[in-house]
């Protein structure tokens, strides 16, 4: 799966779980989780949706310190997405 496709799918998950209005089309690999209003606890809540979307199980300890959408995308790619 291409990096772009992974980012788009992650962007959709983030959009669907956010209560904030923003221009989701501009979210890319360099976008920080903090700028999206997502902290370490919020990302843990998103793990189920990420697991379901990509059929890849990620542990909280693997993503808790990730700062950007791209870091999560890279981990998913390493796992076979």
Protein backbone atom coordinates (compact mmCIF):
# COMPACT_ATOMS: atom_id res chain seq x y z
CA UNK A 1 0.00 0.00 0.00
CA UNK A 2 1.36 3.43 -0.85
CA UNK A 3 2.24 6.02 1.77
CA UNK A 4 -0.43 8.30 0.32
CA UNK A 5 -3.14 5.64 0.68
CA UNK A 6 -2.17 4.93 4.28
CA UNK A 7 -2.25 8.66 5.10
CA UNK A 8 -5.68 9.06 3.49
CA UNK A 9 -7.08 6.15 5.47
CA UNK A 10 -5.56 7.49 8.70
CA UNK A 11 -6.93 10.94 7.92
CA UNK A 12 -10.42 9.47 7.57
CA UNK A 13 -10.14 7.70 10.92
CA UNK A 14 -8.94 10.88 12.60
CA UNK A 15 -11.71 12.94 10.98
CA UNK A 16 -14.41 10.45 12.01
CA UNK A 17 -13.21 10.53 15.61
CA UNK A 18 -12.71 14.27 15.93
CA UNK A 19 -15.24 16.70 17.29
CA UNK A 20 -13.27 19.60 15.81
CA UNK A 21 -13.94 21.17 12.44
CA UNK A 22 -10.81 21.54 10.34
CA UNK A 23 -9.62 21.21 6.77
CA UNK A 24 -8.87 17.49 6.81
CA UNK A 25 -7.66 17.59 3.20
CA UNK A 26 -4.49 19.31 4.38
CA UNK A 27 -3.60 16.63 6.93
CA UNK A 28 -0.42 14.89 5.75
CA UNK A 29 2.49 12.91 7.10
CA UNK A 30 4.05 15.97 8.71
CA UNK A 31 0.88 16.96 10.55
CA UNK A 32 1.37 16.62 14.27
CA UNK A 33 -1.11 14.74 16.39
CA UNK A 34 -1.07 17.68 18.79
CA UNK A 35 -2.18 20.09 16.07
CA UNK A 36 -5.19 17.82 15.49
CA UNK A 37 -6.09 17.97 19.17
CA UNK A 38 -4.98 14.38 19.76
CA UNK A 39 -2.92 13.62 22.82
CA UNK A 40 -1.43 10.33 23.97
CA UNK A 41 -4.68 9.21 25.60
CA UNK A 42 -6.70 10.06 22.51
CA UNK A 43 -4.42 8.06 20.24
CA UNK A 44 -4.95 5.03 22.44
CA UNK A 45 -8.69 5.43 21.88
CA UNK A 46 -8.08 5.42 18.12
CA UNK A 47 -6.16 2.13 18.14
CA UNK A 48 -9.27 0.01 17.75
CA UNK A 49 -10.33 1.93 14.64
CA UNK A 50 -6.82 1.75 13.20
CA UNK A 51 -6.71 -2.00 13.89
CA UNK A 52 -10.06 -2.47 12.17
CA UNK A 53 -9.23 -0.31 9.15
CA UNK A 54 -5.84 -1.88 8.44
CA UNK A 55 -6.34 -5.33 10.00
CA UNK A 56 -3.09 -4.76 11.87
CA UNK A 57 -2.87 -4.86 15.66
CA UNK A 58 -0.80 -2.09 17.21
CA UNK A 59 0.08 -1.91 20.87
CA UNK A 60 -0.41 1.29 22.79
CA UNK A 61 3.26 1.29 23.75
CA UNK A 62 4.17 1.43 20.05
CA UNK A 63 2.18 4.57 19.27
CA UNK A 64 1.96 6.47 22.55
CA UNK A 65 5.02 8.64 21.77
CA UNK A 66 4.39 9.13 18.06
CA UNK A 67 4.11 12.80 17.20
CA UNK A 68 3.01 12.85 13.55
CA UNK A 69 0.54 11.15 11.25
CA UNK A 70 3.54 10.06 9.18
CA UNK A 71 5.11 8.19 12.08
CA UNK A 72 1.97 6.12 12.51
CA UNK A 73 1.78 5.58 8.74
CA UNK A 74 5.39 4.36 8.70
CA UNK A 75 4.68 1.86 11.48
CA UNK A 76 1.64 0.57 9.61
CA UNK A 77 3.71 0.21 6.44
CA UNK A 78 6.39 -1.71 8.35
CA UNK A 79 3.64 -4.06 9.56
CA UNK A 80 2.41 -4.77 6.06
CA UNK A 81 -0.21 -2.14 5.30
